[in-house]
C-alpha atoms as a PDB file:
ATOM      1  CA  MET A   1     104.430  92.536 117.669  1.00  0.00           C
ATOM      2  CA  THR A   2     106.151  95.328 115.830  1.00  0.00           C
ATOM      3  CA  ASP A   3     105.740  98.967 116.733  1.00  0.00           C
ATOM      4  CA  ARG A   4     105.726 100.035 113.065  1.00  0.00           C
ATOM      5  CA  ILE A   5     102.859 100.247 110.600  1.00  0.00           C
ATOM      6  CA  CYS A   6     103.311  99.733 106.871  1.00  0.00           C
ATOM      7  CA  CYS A   7     102.402 101.844 103.878  1.00  0.00           C
ATOM      8  CA  LEU A   8      99.122 100.954 102.165  1.00  0.00           C
ATOM      9  CA  ASN A   9     101.037 100.208  98.957  1.00  0.00           C
ATOM     10  CA  PRO A  10     102.032  96.527  99.291  1.00  0.00           C
ATOM     11  CA  THR A  11     105.144  97.012  97.147  1.00  0.00           C
ATOM     12  CA  CYS A  12     106.373  99.953  99.233  1.00  0.00           C
ATOM     13  CA  ASN A  13     108.683  99.113 102.112  1.00  0.00           C
ATOM     14  CA  ARG A  14     108.173 102.327 104.073  1.00  0.00           C
ATOM     15  CA  THR A  15     106.845 102.245 107.612  1.00  0.00           C
ATOM     16  CA  ALA A  16     105.927 104.727 110.332  1.00  0.00           C
ATOM     17  CA  ALA A  17     105.938 104.625 114.099  1.00  0.00           C
ATOM     18  CA  ALA A  18     102.665 103.324 115.493  1.00  0.00           C
ATOM     19  CA  GLU A  19     102.655 105.874 118.327  1.00  0.00           C
ATOM     20  CA  LYS A  20     102.516 108.720 115.766  1.00  0.00           C
ATOM     21  CA  HIS A  21      99.333 107.248 114.250  1.00  0.00           C
ATOM     22  CA  PRO A  22      97.291 105.790 117.134  1.00  0.00           C
ATOM     23  CA  GLY A  23      94.546 103.414 116.051  1.00  0.00           C
ATOM     24  CA  SER A  24      95.787 103.201 112.464  1.00  0.00           C
ATOM     25  CA  THR A  25      96.659  99.958 110.724  1.00  0.00           C
ATOM     26  CA  TYR A  26      98.294 101.557 107.688  1.00  0.00           C
ATOM     27  CA  ILE A  27      99.745 104.810 106.373  1.00  0.00           C
ATOM     28  CA  VAL A  28     100.249 106.273 102.923  1.00  0.00           C
ATOM     29  CA  CYS A  29     103.837 107.450 102.668  1.00  0.00           C
ATOM     30  CA  SER A  30     104.651 110.708 100.911  1.00  0.00           C
ATOM     31  CA  LYS A  31     106.110 108.936  97.867  1.00  0.00           C
ATOM     32  CA  CYS A  32     102.966 106.849  97.366  1.00  0.00           C
ATOM     33  CA  TRP A  33     100.730 109.859  98.090  1.00  0.00           C
ATOM     34  CA  ARG A  34     102.377 111.842  95.295  1.00  0.00           C
ATOM     35  CA  SER A  35     101.976 108.961  92.837  1.00  0.00           C
ATOM     36  CA  MET A  36      98.306 108.386  93.712  1.00  0.00           C
ATOM     37  CA  PRO A  37      95.664 109.607  91.211  1.00  0.00           C
ATOM     38  CA  ARG A  38      93.996 112.924  91.955  1.00  0.00           C
ATOM     39  CA  ASP A  39      90.564 111.282  92.392  1.00  0.00           C
ATOM     40  CA  PHE A  40      91.815 109.159  95.284  1.00  0.00           C
ATOM     41  CA  LYS A  41      93.462 112.145  96.946  1.00  0.00           C
ATOM     42  CA  GLY A  42      90.284 114.157  96.653  1.00  0.00           C
ATOM     43  CA  ARG A  43      88.163 111.370  98.109  1.00  0.00           C
ATOM     44  CA  TRP A  44      90.662 110.901 100.960  1.00  0.00           C
ATOM     45  CA  LYS A  45      90.531 114.613 101.809  1.00  0.00           C
ATOM     46  CA  THR A  46      86.729 114.648 101.597  1.00  0.00           C
ATOM     47  CA  LEU A  47      86.392 111.710 103.982  1.00  0.00           C
ATOM     48  CA  ASN A  48      88.856 113.304 106.423  1.00  0.00           C
ATOM     49  CA  ALA A  49      86.909 116.581 106.326  1.00  0.00           C
ATOM     50  CA  ARG A  50      83.658 114.730 106.981  1.00  0.00           C
ATOM     51  CA  SER A  51      85.280 112.879 109.854  1.00  0.00           C
ATOM     52  CA  ARG A  52      86.336 116.133 111.495  1.00  0.00           C
ATOM     53  CA  LYS A  53      82.873 117.620 110.963  1.00  0.00           C
ATOM     54  CA  LEU A  54      81.124 114.578 112.429  1.00  0.00           C
ATOM     55  CA  SER A  55      83.482 114.630 115.414  1.00  0.00           C
ATOM     56  CA  ARG A  56      82.668 118.281 116.080  1.00  0.00           C
ATOM     57  CA  MET A  57      78.945 117.636 115.714  1.00  0.00           C
ATOM     58  CA  SER A  58      78.953 114.587 117.980  1.00  0.00           C
ATOM     59  CA  SER A  59      80.595 116.558 120.782  1.00  0.00           C
ATOM     60  CA  LYS A  60      77.746 119.095 120.876  1.00  0.00           C
ATOM     61  CA  PRO A  61      74.931 118.328 123.359  1.00  0.00           C
ATOM     62  CA  SER A  62      72.212 119.096 120.811  1.00  0.00           C
ATOM     63  CA  PHE A  63      73.462 116.331 118.513  1.00  0.00           C
ATOM     64  CA  ASN A  64      74.470 113.838 121.194  1.00  0.00           C
ATOM     65  CA  ARG A  65      71.005 112.823 122.413  1.00  0.00           C
ATOM     66  CA  PRO A  66      69.832 109.214 122.917  1.00  0.00           C
ATOM     67  CA  GLU A  67      67.157 109.478 120.211  1.00  0.00           C
ATOM     68  CA  ARG A  68      69.870 110.295 117.678  1.00  0.00           C
ATOM     69  CA  ALA A  69      71.867 107.116 118.386  1.00  0.00           C
ATOM     70  CA  PRO A  70      70.377 105.147 115.462  1.00  0.00           C
ATOM     71  CA  GLN A  71      71.235 107.994 113.095  1.00  0.00           C
ATOM     72  CA  TRP A  72      74.822 108.120 114.364  1.00  0.00           C
ATOM     73  CA  HIS A  73      75.142 104.344 113.947  1.00  0.00           C
ATOM     74  CA  ARG A  74      73.908 104.555 110.355  1.00  0.00           C
ATOM     75  CA  LEU A  75      76.290 107.412 109.626  1.00  0.00           C
ATOM     76  CA  ALA A  76      79.167 105.457 111.151  1.00  0.00           C
ATOM     77  CA  ASP A  77      78.332 102.421 109.005  1.00  0.00           C
ATOM     78  CA  ILE A  78      78.150 104.510 105.833  1.00  0.00           C
ATOM     79  CA  TYR A  79      81.381 106.273 106.703  1.00  0.00           C
ATOM     80  CA  ASP A  80      83.190 102.991 107.462  1.00  0.00           C
ATOM     81  CA  ARG A  81      82.033 101.494 104.156  1.00  0.00           C
ATOM     82  CA  ALA A  82      83.258 104.582 102.286  1.00  0.00           C
ATOM     83  CA  TRP A  83      86.710 104.297 103.903  1.00  0.00           C
ATOM     84  CA  ALA A  84      86.856 100.572 103.180  1.00  0.00           C
ATOM     85  CA  ALA A  85      85.916 101.148  99.526  1.00  0.00           C
ATOM     86  CA  LEU A  86      88.561 103.842  99.154  1.00  0.00           C
ATOM     87  CA  THR A  87      91.207 101.683 100.820  1.00  0.00           C
ATOM     88  CA  MET A  88      90.395  98.741  98.555  1.00  0.00           C
ATOM     89  CA  ALA A  89      90.468 100.982  95.467  1.00  0.00           C
ATOM     90  CA  ILE A  90      93.901 102.323  96.436  1.00  0.00           C
ATOM     91  CA  LYS A  91      95.230  98.828  97.150  1.00  0.00           C
ATOM     92  CA  HIS A  92      93.883  97.664  93.794  1.00  0.00           C
ATOM     93  CA  TYR A  93      95.529 100.641  92.090  1.00  0.00           C
ATOM     94  CA  TYR A  94      98.914  99.687  93.516  1.00  0.00           C
ATOM     95  CA  THR A  95      98.607  95.913  93.016  1.00  0.00           C
ATOM     96  CA  ALA A  96      96.912  95.714  89.608  1.00  0.00           C
ATOM     97  CA  GLY A  97      99.174  94.711  86.745  1.00  0.00           C
ATOM     98  CA  GLY A  98     100.309  97.311  84.281  1.00  0.00           C
ATOM     99  CA  ARG A  99      98.900  95.516  81.258  1.00  0.00           C
ATOM    100  CA  PRO A 100      95.275  94.465  80.844  1.00  0.00           C
ATOM    101  CA  ILE A 101      94.367  90.844  80.211  1.00  0.00           C
ATOM    102  CA  GLY A 102      94.491  90.008  76.534  1.00  0.00           C
ATOM    103  CA  ILE A 103      96.964  92.689  75.539  1.00  0.00           C
ATOM    104  CA  GLU A 104      99.598  90.073  74.673  1.00  0.00           C
ATOM    105  CA  ASP A 105      97.401  88.621  71.906  1.00  0.00           C
ATOM    106  CA  PHE A 106      96.617  92.072  70.559  1.00  0.00           C
ATOM    107  CA  LEU A 107     100.295  93.021  70.438  1.00  0.00           C
ATOM    108  CA  LYS A 108     101.195  89.744  68.697  1.00  0.00           C
ATOM    109  CA  GLU A 109      98.433  90.212  66.104  1.00  0.00           C
ATOM    110  CA  ASN A 110      99.740  93.637  65.211  1.00  0.00           C
ATOM    111  CA  GLY A 111     103.364  92.498  65.106  1.00  0.00           C
ATOM    112  CA  ILE A 112     104.503  94.709  67.942  1.00  0.00           C
ATOM    113  CA  VAL A 113     105.861  91.910  70.105  1.00  0.00           C
END
């Protein structure tokens, strides 16, 4: 198995060392990060901030009680779904074709192509 992890953009050939990003299965290289829409960047930063906040909260004894376990599991599920949705949206952004379906007919009708 390789010790490199790939960029989330499937057309990008950049990789990073796996030991720099433990537990990660992908990265977003700086080139792809700059080309990503602002909405995705904002959502990424929001989810990272929430992750740090939840980590701080879970380390406190007042929040880490057995009766709170179901709440933490629900939060973890919601958080994982949010990351998965964002990852899929970014992958779709990079893999979707540049022209919508049916544009060829429209261009031919108007004599552009």
